Structures are given as structure tokens and as C-alpha cells.
N, C-alpha and C. Protein backbone atom coordinates (compact mmCIF):
# COMPACT_ATOMS: atom_id res chain seq x y z
N UNK A 1 123.33 -198.23 64.16
CA UNK A 1 124.34 -198.00 64.99
C UNK A 1 124.01 -198.29 66.39
N UNK A 2 124.56 -199.47 67.04
CA UNK A 2 124.10 -199.48 68.41
C UNK A 2 124.71 -198.57 69.32
N UNK A 3 123.85 -198.00 70.32
CA UNK A 3 124.07 -197.09 71.41
C UNK A 3 125.09 -197.49 72.19
N UNK A 4 126.11 -197.13 72.71
CA UNK A 4 127.03 -197.50 73.74
C UNK A 4 127.52 -196.74 74.48
N UNK A 5 127.88 -196.91 75.83
CA UNK A 5 128.42 -195.78 76.66
C UNK A 5 129.75 -195.28 76.11
N UNK A 6 130.28 -194.12 76.51
CA UNK A 6 131.49 -193.65 75.75
C UNK A 6 132.46 -193.18 76.80
N UNK A 7 133.74 -193.38 77.05
CA UNK A 7 134.45 -192.64 78.00
C UNK A 7 135.11 -191.67 77.27
N UNK A 8 135.10 -190.18 77.70
CA UNK A 8 135.90 -189.14 76.76
C UNK A 8 137.23 -188.80 77.31
N UNK A 9 138.01 -188.31 76.67
CA UNK A 9 139.34 -187.97 77.09
C UNK A 9 139.86 -187.73 78.27
N UNK A 10 138.90 -187.10 78.95
CA UNK A 10 139.00 -186.74 80.58
C UNK A 10 138.74 -188.05 81.53
N UNK A 11 138.13 -189.03 80.68
CA UNK A 11 137.80 -190.11 81.56
C UNK A 11 136.64 -190.04 82.25
N UNK A 12 135.75 -189.27 81.70
CA UNK A 12 134.13 -189.19 81.88
C UNK A 12 133.34 -190.15 81.19
N UNK A 13 132.65 -191.05 81.88
CA UNK A 13 131.65 -192.24 81.09
C UNK A 13 130.48 -191.32 80.74
N UNK A 14 130.12 -191.16 79.60
CA UNK A 14 128.99 -190.75 78.87
C UNK A 14 128.04 -191.84 78.87
N UNK A 15 126.63 -191.68 79.20
CA UNK A 15 125.75 -192.91 79.03
C UNK A 15 125.30 -193.21 77.39
N UNK A 16 124.95 -194.29 77.19
CA UNK A 16 124.62 -194.71 75.75
C UNK A 16 123.60 -193.69 75.14
N UNK A 17 122.64 -192.98 76.03
CA UNK A 17 121.91 -191.98 75.33
C UNK A 17 122.53 -191.03 74.66
N UNK A 18 123.78 -190.56 75.07
CA UNK A 18 124.61 -189.44 74.49
C UNK A 18 124.87 -190.04 72.84
N UNK A 19 124.93 -191.13 72.51
CA UNK A 19 125.02 -191.64 71.03
C UNK A 19 123.66 -191.60 70.28
N UNK A 20 122.62 -191.30 70.64
CA UNK A 20 121.37 -191.09 69.82
C UNK A 20 121.48 -189.76 69.57
N UNK A 21 121.45 -189.60 68.22
CA UNK A 21 121.13 -188.46 67.32
C UNK A 21 120.20 -187.39 68.12
N UNK A 22 118.81 -187.96 68.29
CA UNK A 22 117.83 -187.09 68.70
C UNK A 22 118.05 -186.29 70.15
N UNK A 23 118.88 -187.12 70.94
CA UNK A 23 119.34 -186.45 72.38
C UNK A 23 119.83 -185.10 72.11
N UNK A 24 120.29 -184.70 70.99
CA UNK A 24 121.07 -183.57 70.75
C UNK A 24 120.15 -182.21 70.30
N UNK A 25 118.78 -182.86 70.23
CA UNK A 25 117.97 -181.77 69.58
C UNK A 25 116.61 -181.69 70.40
N UNK A 26 116.02 -180.40 70.55
CA UNK A 26 114.86 -180.35 71.22
C UNK A 26 113.88 -181.25 70.71
N UNK A 27 112.96 -182.02 71.49
CA UNK A 27 112.08 -182.79 71.01
C UNK A 27 110.55 -182.39 71.15
N UNK A 28 109.86 -182.47 70.13
CA UNK A 28 108.43 -181.93 70.00
C UNK A 28 107.43 -182.56 71.13
N UNK A 29 107.47 -183.81 71.59
CA UNK A 29 106.76 -184.53 72.46
C UNK A 29 107.51 -183.87 73.64
N UNK A 30 106.48 -183.41 74.56
CA UNK A 30 106.84 -182.61 75.75
C UNK A 30 107.44 -184.00 76.87
N UNK A 31 106.72 -184.81 76.96
CA UNK A 31 107.36 -186.08 77.78
C UNK A 31 108.70 -186.46 77.43
N UNK A 32 109.11 -186.57 76.20
CA UNK A 32 110.00 -187.08 75.78
C UNK A 32 111.27 -185.98 76.03
N UNK A 33 110.95 -184.83 75.65
CA UNK A 33 111.68 -183.58 76.16
C UNK A 33 112.12 -183.68 77.53
N UNK A 34 111.25 -183.79 78.28
CA UNK A 34 111.02 -183.85 79.77
C UNK A 34 112.32 -184.74 80.17
N UNK A 35 112.15 -185.91 79.37
CA UNK A 35 113.03 -187.14 80.01
C UNK A 35 114.42 -186.67 79.55
N UNK A 36 114.56 -186.13 78.32
CA UNK A 36 116.05 -185.85 77.62
C UNK A 36 116.57 -184.58 78.62
N UNK A 37 115.83 -183.85 79.01
CA UNK A 37 116.21 -182.71 79.79
C UNK A 37 116.62 -183.30 81.26
N UNK A 38 115.90 -184.11 82.00
CA UNK A 38 116.49 -184.57 83.01
C UNK A 38 117.71 -185.32 82.88
N UNK A 39 117.82 -186.14 81.62
CA UNK A 39 119.03 -187.00 81.44
C UNK A 39 120.23 -185.87 80.97
N UNK A 40 120.02 -184.95 80.35
CA UNK A 40 120.96 -183.64 80.23
C UNK A 40 121.46 -183.02 81.54
N UNK A 41 120.47 -182.77 82.37
CA UNK A 41 120.92 -182.30 83.79
C UNK A 41 121.84 -183.28 84.41
N UNK A 42 121.76 -184.38 84.36
CA UNK A 42 122.20 -185.43 85.05
C UNK A 42 123.70 -185.55 84.60
N UNK A 43 123.71 -185.43 83.32
CA UNK A 43 125.02 -185.50 82.70
C UNK A 43 126.13 -184.15 82.99
N UNK A 44 125.10 -183.29 82.88
CA UNK A 44 125.89 -181.74 83.00
C UNK A 44 126.38 -181.74 84.53
N UNK A 45 125.82 -182.04 85.48
CA UNK A 45 126.00 -181.85 86.60
C UNK A 45 126.92 -183.04 87.18
N UNK A 46 127.25 -184.12 86.66
CA UNK A 46 128.02 -185.02 87.14
C UNK A 46 129.51 -184.79 86.44
N UNK A 47 129.26 -184.28 85.18
CA UNK A 47 130.67 -183.97 84.49
C UNK A 47 131.31 -182.62 84.90
N UNK A 48 130.33 -181.65 85.53
CA UNK A 48 130.73 -180.52 86.22
C UNK A 48 131.61 -181.14 87.26
N UNK A 49 131.00 -181.80 88.11
CA UNK A 49 131.83 -182.35 89.38
C UNK A 49 133.11 -183.02 88.95
N UNK A 50 132.87 -183.85 87.87
CA UNK A 50 134.20 -184.75 87.43
C UNK A 50 135.47 -183.67 87.14
N UNK A 51 135.01 -182.53 86.49
CA UNK A 51 136.03 -181.78 85.84
C UNK A 51 135.99 -180.68 86.74
N UNK A 52 135.46 -180.33 88.02
CA UNK A 52 135.44 -179.19 88.90
C UNK A 52 134.96 -177.82 88.08
N UNK A 53 134.09 -178.03 87.14
CA UNK A 53 133.54 -176.79 86.43
C UNK A 53 132.16 -176.38 87.32
N UNK A 54 132.10 -174.98 87.52
CA UNK A 54 131.13 -174.27 88.16
C UNK A 54 130.32 -173.58 87.30
N UNK A 55 130.55 -173.02 86.30
CA UNK A 55 129.89 -172.31 85.25
C UNK A 55 129.68 -172.92 83.98
N UNK A 56 128.64 -172.69 83.55
CA UNK A 56 128.06 -173.05 82.15
C UNK A 56 127.28 -172.04 81.47
N UNK A 57 127.91 -171.59 80.29
CA UNK A 57 127.43 -170.70 79.35
C UNK A 57 126.60 -171.09 78.42
N UNK A 58 125.53 -170.29 77.84
CA UNK A 58 124.81 -170.86 76.46
C UNK A 58 125.84 -171.07 75.57
N UNK A 59 126.80 -170.00 75.41
CA UNK A 59 127.85 -170.07 74.34
C UNK A 59 128.64 -171.16 74.35
N UNK A 60 128.68 -171.96 75.44
CA UNK A 60 129.67 -172.90 75.44
C UNK A 60 129.12 -174.10 74.44
N UNK A 61 128.00 -174.18 74.01
CA UNK A 61 127.33 -175.12 72.99
C UNK A 61 127.97 -174.65 71.70
N UNK A 62 128.34 -173.65 71.46
CA UNK A 62 129.11 -173.21 70.09
C UNK A 62 130.62 -173.18 70.29
N UNK A 63 131.08 -173.37 71.35
CA UNK A 63 132.61 -173.16 71.37
C UNK A 63 133.52 -174.43 71.04
N UNK A 64 133.75 -174.75 69.88
CA UNK A 64 134.76 -176.05 69.89
C UNK A 64 135.93 -175.89 70.50
N UNK A 65 136.32 -176.95 71.29
CA UNK A 65 137.43 -177.34 72.00
C UNK A 65 137.31 -176.58 73.61
N UNK A 66 136.28 -176.06 73.86
CA UNK A 66 136.06 -175.55 75.19
C UNK A 66 136.01 -176.63 76.30
N UNK A 67 135.71 -176.18 77.48
CA UNK A 67 135.47 -176.99 78.82
C UNK A 67 134.59 -177.82 78.49
N UNK A 68 133.39 -177.76 78.14
CA UNK A 68 132.30 -178.54 77.77
C UNK A 68 131.98 -179.25 76.52
N UNK A 69 133.15 -179.01 75.56
CA UNK A 69 133.02 -179.58 74.21
C UNK A 69 132.83 -181.25 74.38
N UNK A 70 133.56 -181.84 75.09
CA UNK A 70 133.30 -183.58 74.92
C UNK A 70 131.92 -184.03 75.39
N UNK A 71 131.38 -182.95 76.13
CA UNK A 71 129.78 -183.44 76.59
C UNK A 71 128.65 -183.09 75.70
N UNK A 72 128.99 -181.65 75.17
CA UNK A 72 127.94 -180.84 74.33
C UNK A 72 128.04 -181.39 72.80
N UNK A 73 129.02 -182.08 72.77
CA UNK A 73 129.13 -182.54 71.23
C UNK A 73 129.30 -184.07 71.13
N UNK A 74 129.06 -184.63 70.21
CA UNK A 74 129.45 -186.33 69.83
C UNK A 74 129.72 -186.07 68.49
N UNK A 75 130.96 -186.31 68.36
CA UNK A 75 131.75 -186.17 66.97
C UNK A 75 131.53 -187.43 66.16
N UNK A 76 131.21 -188.69 67.00
CA UNK A 76 131.17 -189.85 66.30
C UNK A 76 129.76 -190.21 65.57
N UNK A 77 128.75 -189.13 66.02
CA UNK A 77 127.57 -189.16 65.32
C UNK A 77 127.27 -187.91 64.62
N UNK A 78 128.20 -186.84 64.67
CA UNK A 78 128.23 -185.63 64.17
C UNK A 78 127.12 -184.65 64.68
N UNK A 79 126.79 -184.78 65.95
CA UNK A 79 126.09 -184.02 66.68
C UNK A 79 126.43 -183.01 67.58
N UNK A 80 125.88 -181.82 68.01
CA UNK A 80 126.24 -181.11 68.86
C UNK A 80 124.90 -180.41 69.42
N UNK A 81 125.05 -180.07 70.55
CA UNK A 81 123.73 -179.32 71.13
C UNK A 81 123.83 -177.67 70.49
N UNK A 82 122.49 -177.42 70.22
CA UNK A 82 122.66 -176.03 69.88
C UNK A 82 122.36 -175.29 71.30
N UNK A 83 122.80 -173.79 70.87
CA UNK A 83 122.62 -172.87 72.36
C UNK A 83 121.14 -172.85 72.68
N UNK A 84 120.38 -172.72 71.86
CA UNK A 84 118.65 -172.59 72.18
C UNK A 84 118.41 -173.59 72.86
N UNK A 85 118.71 -174.97 72.60
CA UNK A 85 118.65 -176.20 73.47
C UNK A 85 119.36 -176.08 74.78
N UNK A 86 120.42 -175.81 74.84
CA UNK A 86 121.22 -175.67 76.06
C UNK A 86 120.43 -174.69 77.15
N UNK A 87 120.06 -173.30 76.26
CA UNK A 87 119.38 -172.60 77.14
C UNK A 87 118.13 -172.94 78.02
N UNK A 88 117.27 -173.72 77.29
CA UNK A 88 116.22 -174.36 77.92
C UNK A 88 116.51 -175.30 79.00
N UNK A 89 117.57 -176.15 78.74
CA UNK A 89 118.05 -177.08 79.82
C UNK A 89 118.36 -176.19 80.96
N UNK A 90 119.26 -175.09 80.70
CA UNK A 90 119.76 -174.20 81.78
C UNK A 90 118.45 -173.77 82.55
N UNK A 91 117.50 -173.26 81.89
CA UNK A 91 116.17 -172.91 82.65
C UNK A 91 115.54 -173.82 83.41
N UNK A 92 115.43 -174.93 82.89
CA UNK A 92 114.99 -176.16 83.56
C UNK A 92 115.74 -176.44 84.93
N UNK A 93 117.16 -176.36 84.66
CA UNK A 93 117.86 -176.73 86.15
C UNK A 93 117.87 -175.54 87.38
N UNK A 94 117.77 -174.15 86.71
CA UNK A 94 117.46 -173.04 87.66
C UNK A 94 115.82 -173.19 88.18
N UNK A 95 115.01 -173.57 87.32
CA UNK A 95 113.73 -173.72 88.17
C UNK A 95 113.78 -174.98 88.88
N UNK A 96 114.64 -176.14 89.10
CA UNK A 96 114.67 -176.97 90.17
C UNK A 96 115.75 -176.64 91.07
N UNK A 97 116.42 -175.51 91.33
CA UNK A 97 117.59 -175.24 92.14
C UNK A 97 118.50 -175.98 92.00
N UNK A 98 118.99 -176.46 90.73
CA UNK A 98 119.89 -177.20 90.43
C UNK A 98 121.29 -176.44 90.06
N UNK A 99 120.83 -175.10 89.54
CA UNK A 99 121.67 -174.06 89.17
C UNK A 99 121.12 -172.79 89.32
N UNK A 100 121.92 -171.57 89.25
CA UNK A 100 121.47 -170.28 89.49
C UNK A 100 122.06 -169.36 88.73
N UNK A 101 121.14 -168.51 87.87
CA UNK A 101 121.95 -167.50 86.77
C UNK A 101 122.63 -166.78 87.85
N UNK A 102 123.86 -166.58 86.98
CA UNK A 102 125.06 -165.83 87.72
C UNK A 102 125.85 -165.14 86.71
N UNK A 103 125.97 -163.99 86.57
CA UNK A 103 125.48 -162.95 87.18
C UNK A 103 123.74 -162.89 87.30
N UNK A 104 123.19 -162.44 88.36
CA UNK A 104 121.66 -162.36 88.07
C UNK A 104 121.25 -161.36 87.27
N UNK A 105 119.88 -161.49 86.86
CA UNK A 105 119.32 -160.63 85.76
C UNK A 105 119.78 -160.71 84.47
N UNK A 106 120.37 -162.02 84.14
CA UNK A 106 120.51 -162.54 82.71
C UNK A 106 120.23 -163.93 82.63
N UNK A 107 120.17 -164.36 81.54
CA UNK A 107 119.83 -165.70 81.29
C UNK A 107 120.76 -166.60 80.42
N UNK A 108 122.11 -166.28 80.40
CA UNK A 108 123.22 -166.93 79.61
C UNK A 108 123.98 -167.57 80.05
N UNK A 109 124.20 -167.51 81.50
CA UNK A 109 125.14 -168.22 82.59
C UNK A 109 124.65 -168.65 83.69
N UNK A 110 125.01 -169.90 84.01
CA UNK A 110 124.44 -170.32 85.25
C UNK A 110 125.91 -170.81 86.29
N UNK A 111 125.82 -170.75 87.52
CA UNK A 111 126.52 -171.44 88.53
C UNK A 111 125.67 -172.77 88.81
N UNK A 112 126.65 -173.92 88.75
CA UNK A 112 125.89 -174.99 88.64
C UNK A 112 126.25 -175.65 90.13
N UNK A 113 125.10 -176.09 90.62
CA UNK A 113 125.04 -176.82 91.93
C UNK A 113 125.25 -178.38 91.81
N UNK A 114 126.49 -178.60 91.44
CA UNK A 114 126.66 -180.08 91.64
C UNK A 114 126.81 -180.57 93.08
N UNK A 115 127.05 -179.32 93.87
CA UNK A 115 126.79 -179.76 95.23
C UNK A 115 125.97 -178.25 95.70
N UNK A 116 124.89 -178.69 96.44
CA UNK A 116 124.17 -177.40 96.83
C UNK A 116 124.86 -176.53 98.03
N UNK A 117 124.50 -175.31 98.00
CA UNK A 117 125.07 -174.49 98.66
C UNK A 117 125.33 -175.00 100.15
N UNK A 118 124.07 -175.77 100.59
CA UNK A 118 124.05 -176.44 102.00
C UNK A 118 125.22 -177.44 102.25
N UNK A 119 125.47 -178.12 101.00
CA UNK A 119 126.52 -179.40 101.03
C UNK A 119 127.84 -178.54 101.10
N UNK A 120 128.03 -177.75 100.25
CA UNK A 120 129.22 -176.53 100.15
C UNK A 120 129.56 -175.96 101.60
N UNK A 121 128.56 -175.80 102.27
CA UNK A 121 128.45 -175.13 103.64
C UNK A 121 129.17 -176.24 104.61
N UNK A 122 128.61 -177.30 104.63
CA UNK A 122 129.38 -178.74 105.19
C UNK A 122 130.83 -178.79 104.66
N UNK A 123 130.98 -178.85 103.54
CA UNK A 123 132.51 -179.02 103.18
C UNK A 123 133.51 -177.95 103.62
N UNK A 124 133.00 -176.52 103.68
CA UNK A 124 133.52 -175.58 104.20
C UNK A 124 133.91 -175.78 105.80
N UNK A 125 132.99 -176.06 106.44
CA UNK A 125 132.92 -176.19 107.68
C UNK A 125 133.91 -177.27 108.15
N UNK A 126 133.71 -178.22 107.44
CA UNK A 126 134.72 -179.37 107.58
C UNK A 126 136.12 -179.23 107.38
N UNK A 127 136.30 -178.32 106.53
CA UNK A 127 137.47 -178.08 106.13
C UNK A 127 138.20 -177.21 107.06
N UNK A 128 137.57 -176.12 107.62
CA UNK A 128 137.88 -175.36 108.64
C UNK A 128 138.25 -176.18 109.92
N UNK A 129 137.57 -176.98 110.23
CA UNK A 129 137.64 -178.00 111.43
C UNK A 129 138.98 -178.69 111.27
N UNK A 130 139.09 -179.32 110.00
CA UNK A 130 140.23 -180.27 110.02
C UNK A 130 141.58 -179.46 109.72
N UNK A 131 141.68 -178.28 109.43
CA UNK A 131 142.75 -177.47 109.10
C UNK A 131 142.90 -176.74 110.51
N UNK A 132 142.10 -176.69 111.45
CA UNK A 132 142.37 -175.76 112.51
C UNK A 132 142.05 -174.46 112.41
N UNK A 133 141.29 -174.20 111.60
CA UNK A 133 140.77 -172.70 111.16
C UNK A 133 139.57 -172.14 111.61
N UNK A 134 139.09 -173.02 112.60
CA UNK A 134 138.05 -172.50 113.58
C UNK A 134 138.42 -171.27 114.54
N UNK A 135 137.38 -170.33 114.73
CA UNK A 135 137.56 -168.99 115.40
C UNK A 135 138.61 -168.33 114.88
N UNK A 136 139.03 -168.48 113.75
CA UNK A 136 140.25 -167.55 113.01
C UNK A 136 139.38 -166.75 111.76
N UNK A 137 139.74 -165.68 111.89
CA UNK A 137 139.00 -164.71 110.58
C UNK A 137 139.81 -165.27 109.39
N UNK A 138 139.17 -165.60 108.25
CA UNK A 138 139.71 -166.01 106.98
C UNK A 138 139.01 -165.37 105.97
N UNK A 139 139.88 -164.66 104.91
CA UNK A 139 139.31 -164.07 103.85
C UNK A 139 138.83 -164.94 102.89
N UNK A 140 137.96 -164.41 102.12
CA UNK A 140 137.46 -165.32 101.04
C UNK A 140 138.60 -166.11 100.16
N UNK A 141 139.66 -165.05 99.79
CA UNK A 141 140.85 -165.56 99.13
C UNK A 141 141.41 -166.68 99.61
N UNK A 142 141.59 -166.67 101.02
CA UNK A 142 142.31 -167.79 101.83
C UNK A 142 141.45 -169.01 101.78
N UNK A 143 140.21 -168.99 101.47
CA UNK A 143 139.39 -170.20 101.43
C UNK A 143 139.44 -170.67 100.01
N UNK A 144 139.03 -170.01 99.07
CA UNK A 144 139.23 -170.34 97.66
C UNK A 144 140.51 -170.51 97.07
N UNK A 145 141.73 -170.02 97.72
CA UNK A 145 142.93 -170.29 97.03
C UNK A 145 143.92 -170.61 98.10
N UNK A 146 143.48 -171.54 99.01
CA UNK A 146 144.54 -171.99 100.17
C UNK A 146 145.84 -172.56 99.38
N UNK A 147 147.01 -172.59 100.37
CA UNK A 147 148.42 -172.94 100.22
C UNK A 147 148.26 -174.41 99.54
N UNK A 148 147.39 -175.18 100.31
CA UNK A 148 147.38 -176.34 99.97
C UNK A 148 145.98 -176.95 99.27
N UNK A 149 145.92 -177.11 98.20
CA UNK A 149 144.69 -177.38 97.38
C UNK A 149 143.50 -178.09 98.24
N UNK A 150 142.34 -177.69 98.22
CA UNK A 150 141.38 -178.16 99.03
C UNK A 150 140.20 -178.52 98.10
N UNK A 151 138.99 -179.02 98.81
CA UNK A 151 137.88 -179.23 97.77
C UNK A 151 137.21 -177.82 97.65
N UNK A 152 137.75 -176.72 98.26
CA UNK A 152 137.24 -175.30 97.96
C UNK A 152 137.99 -174.51 97.02
N UNK A 153 139.02 -175.14 96.70
CA UNK A 153 140.12 -174.33 95.74
C UNK A 153 139.26 -173.99 94.55
N UNK A 154 139.32 -172.76 93.93
CA UNK A 154 138.89 -172.13 92.90
C UNK A 154 137.19 -171.93 92.73
N UNK A 155 136.55 -172.08 93.97
CA UNK A 155 135.28 -172.01 94.32
C UNK A 155 134.86 -170.61 93.79
N UNK A 156 134.07 -170.57 92.85
CA UNK A 156 133.60 -168.97 92.74
C UNK A 156 132.92 -168.18 93.88
N UNK A 157 133.05 -166.97 94.11
CA UNK A 157 132.95 -166.34 95.18
C UNK A 157 131.37 -166.26 95.39
N UNK A 158 130.54 -166.05 94.43
CA UNK A 158 128.81 -166.11 94.71
C UNK A 158 128.64 -167.48 95.28
N UNK A 159 129.10 -168.48 94.91
CA UNK A 159 128.78 -169.77 95.68
C UNK A 159 129.51 -170.02 97.09
N UNK A 160 130.63 -169.29 97.25
CA UNK A 160 131.10 -169.30 98.51
C UNK A 160 130.38 -168.75 99.71
N UNK A 161 129.75 -167.34 99.00
CA UNK A 161 128.85 -166.45 99.84
C UNK A 161 127.71 -167.23 100.25
N UNK A 162 127.15 -168.04 99.20
CA UNK A 162 125.87 -168.71 99.49
C UNK A 162 126.21 -169.91 100.82
N UNK A 163 127.37 -170.45 100.62
CA UNK A 163 127.62 -171.43 101.74
C UNK A 163 127.83 -170.74 102.90
N UNK A 164 128.50 -169.83 102.99
CA UNK A 164 128.78 -168.93 104.21
C UNK A 164 127.54 -168.54 104.62
N UNK A 165 126.49 -168.00 104.10
CA UNK A 165 125.09 -167.53 104.26
C UNK A 165 124.49 -168.78 105.02
N UNK A 166 124.51 -169.98 104.51
CA UNK A 166 123.91 -171.30 105.32
C UNK A 166 124.54 -171.33 106.78
N UNK A 167 126.05 -171.15 106.62
CA UNK A 167 126.93 -171.31 108.03
C UNK A 167 126.07 -170.18 109.02
N UNK A 168 125.80 -169.02 108.37
CA UNK A 168 125.59 -167.98 109.13
C UNK A 168 124.32 -168.19 109.68
N UNK A 169 123.29 -168.56 109.00
CA UNK A 169 121.97 -168.76 109.38
C UNK A 169 121.67 -169.83 110.82
N UNK A 170 123.01 -171.03 110.37
CA UNK A 170 122.64 -172.07 111.71
C UNK A 170 123.60 -171.80 112.73
N UNK A 171 124.41 -170.41 112.67
CA UNK A 171 125.18 -170.02 113.90
C UNK A 171 126.47 -170.46 113.96
N UNK A 172 127.12 -171.24 112.75
CA UNK A 172 128.38 -171.75 112.61
C UNK A 172 129.25 -170.71 111.97
N UNK A 173 128.92 -169.65 111.68
CA UNK A 173 129.65 -168.53 110.82
C UNK A 173 129.36 -167.17 111.24
N UNK A 174 130.43 -166.12 111.09
CA UNK A 174 130.05 -164.91 111.16
C UNK A 174 130.87 -164.24 110.01
N UNK A 175 130.12 -163.41 109.27
CA UNK A 175 130.49 -162.50 108.20
C UNK A 175 131.42 -161.71 108.83
N UNK A 176 132.71 -161.20 108.66
CA UNK A 176 133.53 -160.18 109.17
C UNK A 176 133.97 -159.18 107.99
N UNK A 177 133.98 -157.93 108.13
CA UNK A 177 134.46 -157.06 107.20
C UNK A 177 136.12 -156.80 107.23
N UNK A 178 137.00 -157.09 106.40
CA UNK A 178 138.41 -157.03 106.71
C UNK A 178 138.89 -155.71 105.68
N UNK A 179 140.16 -155.61 105.96
CA UNK A 179 140.74 -154.48 105.09
C UNK A 179 140.57 -154.72 103.60
N UNK A 180 140.81 -156.05 103.15
CA UNK A 180 140.79 -156.16 101.85
C UNK A 180 139.58 -156.79 101.11
N UNK A 181 138.50 -156.50 101.94
CA UNK A 181 137.04 -157.09 101.38
C UNK A 181 136.41 -157.83 102.59
N UNK A 182 136.00 -158.99 102.28
CA UNK A 182 135.26 -159.78 103.19
C UNK A 182 136.11 -161.00 103.76
N UNK A 183 135.48 -161.31 104.92
CA UNK A 183 136.05 -162.30 105.60
C UNK A 183 134.98 -163.11 106.38
N UNK A 184 135.27 -164.28 107.06
CA UNK A 184 134.50 -164.98 107.74
C UNK A 184 135.13 -165.64 108.90
N UNK A 185 134.66 -165.85 109.86
CA UNK A 185 134.95 -166.52 111.09
C UNK A 185 134.02 -167.65 111.51
N UNK A 186 134.60 -169.16 111.46
CA UNK A 186 133.83 -170.06 111.61
C UNK A 186 133.95 -170.74 112.78
N UNK A 187 132.82 -171.11 113.48
CA UNK A 187 132.54 -171.59 114.95
C UNK A 187 132.40 -173.02 114.98
N UNK A 188 132.73 -173.76 115.96
CA UNK A 188 132.51 -175.15 116.07
C UNK A 188 130.98 -175.61 116.26
N UNK A 189 130.25 -174.71 117.11
CA UNK A 189 128.90 -175.02 117.45
C UNK A 189 127.91 -174.84 116.31
N UNK A 190 126.65 -174.72 116.74
CA UNK A 190 125.63 -174.13 115.75
C UNK A 190 124.51 -174.85 116.28
N UNK A 191 123.12 -174.20 115.42
CA UNK A 191 121.89 -174.62 115.79
C UNK A 191 121.61 -175.98 115.17
């Protein structure tokens, strides 16, 4: 059977390697496995961006019909990724700073960096500038659940905190305690 790219029901284009049965199993040859891990990493991050998914759990490999099903399975060749294989790919992504275990001190769920915290910091600052929110105290809820959907909509709080920390270090934000939790004030300038 010839391997060919495939478009998923959500419109995501899977590369032809996704049609190769060995791609779904850990390979004994370390070089082959390293190449597969790199390709899986690219697929996972581009799919997460396509679907705006922020979290991937090891158990997602075993959940039929879940958010990740169309990537972690290939029904045409009757293959699916095993949780143990996904766990090793997630560990590799964490080691390359393309994901972080969230919550910390466990190894079953990661927060994906399809945009790095530094990139999210720029998105946040651009959004605040474009919407006239500079020098205004914003709650984290107002940022992640704005009245008009934005690139920051539904962003997980741990990722938002990392982006705000980037802005704070560069002098473009100040974390503020507010009545119902945390807030931030964004500034025009910066270092």
C-alpha cells in the first residue's frame, strides 16, 4: 500500500508517514526512533495549533473519539499509538522545552508549547495594545475569556502565567493582586 498524505475530518493534513504501520510503534533502532519522535512532535504541535488544543495526556492515546483520536490513530491501517509510546514522546518534548508537565511533579499530562511562552507574551501584549487595554488592570479571566474571542481565548492559566512572567521580566507587565485572584497591568514600553 502506498503511503499518502491524508486529511482528517477536522481538515488537518497528516503526512504520508502517518500511513506507515511502524510509525505507531516504538522502534528498536535509536536513530529510527529519534526520527519518528521528531516527526510525531511536529505532528502533535501542528495539530494542537490547528485545533487550539493546549493539553495532551498519555491516556489520550487510549481514548477513542477524543480530541486527539484522529492523530493518534489511523483506522485505514488499523494502528493506534500506545500510551507507553506517547509517554516517551511527551518526555522528549519536555526535554526540548516544547512542552511542560502540567501539573508539575507528574508525567502523564503536558501543556503543549505550539507557541512558546515568549511568543504568547508577544500575542498578549499585541492584544492588549490593539484593544486599548494597556495600563488597565485585567484579571486573568478577562484575558482568557474576553467578550470578543481572541487568540488568548481559553488559554490555560499556567501558560498565561508563564507569558505574563516573560512580560514582567521585560518591564512590560506588572502582576497585581485583585479581589477575585490575580490580575496584570500591561505597559507600552519595555526593556
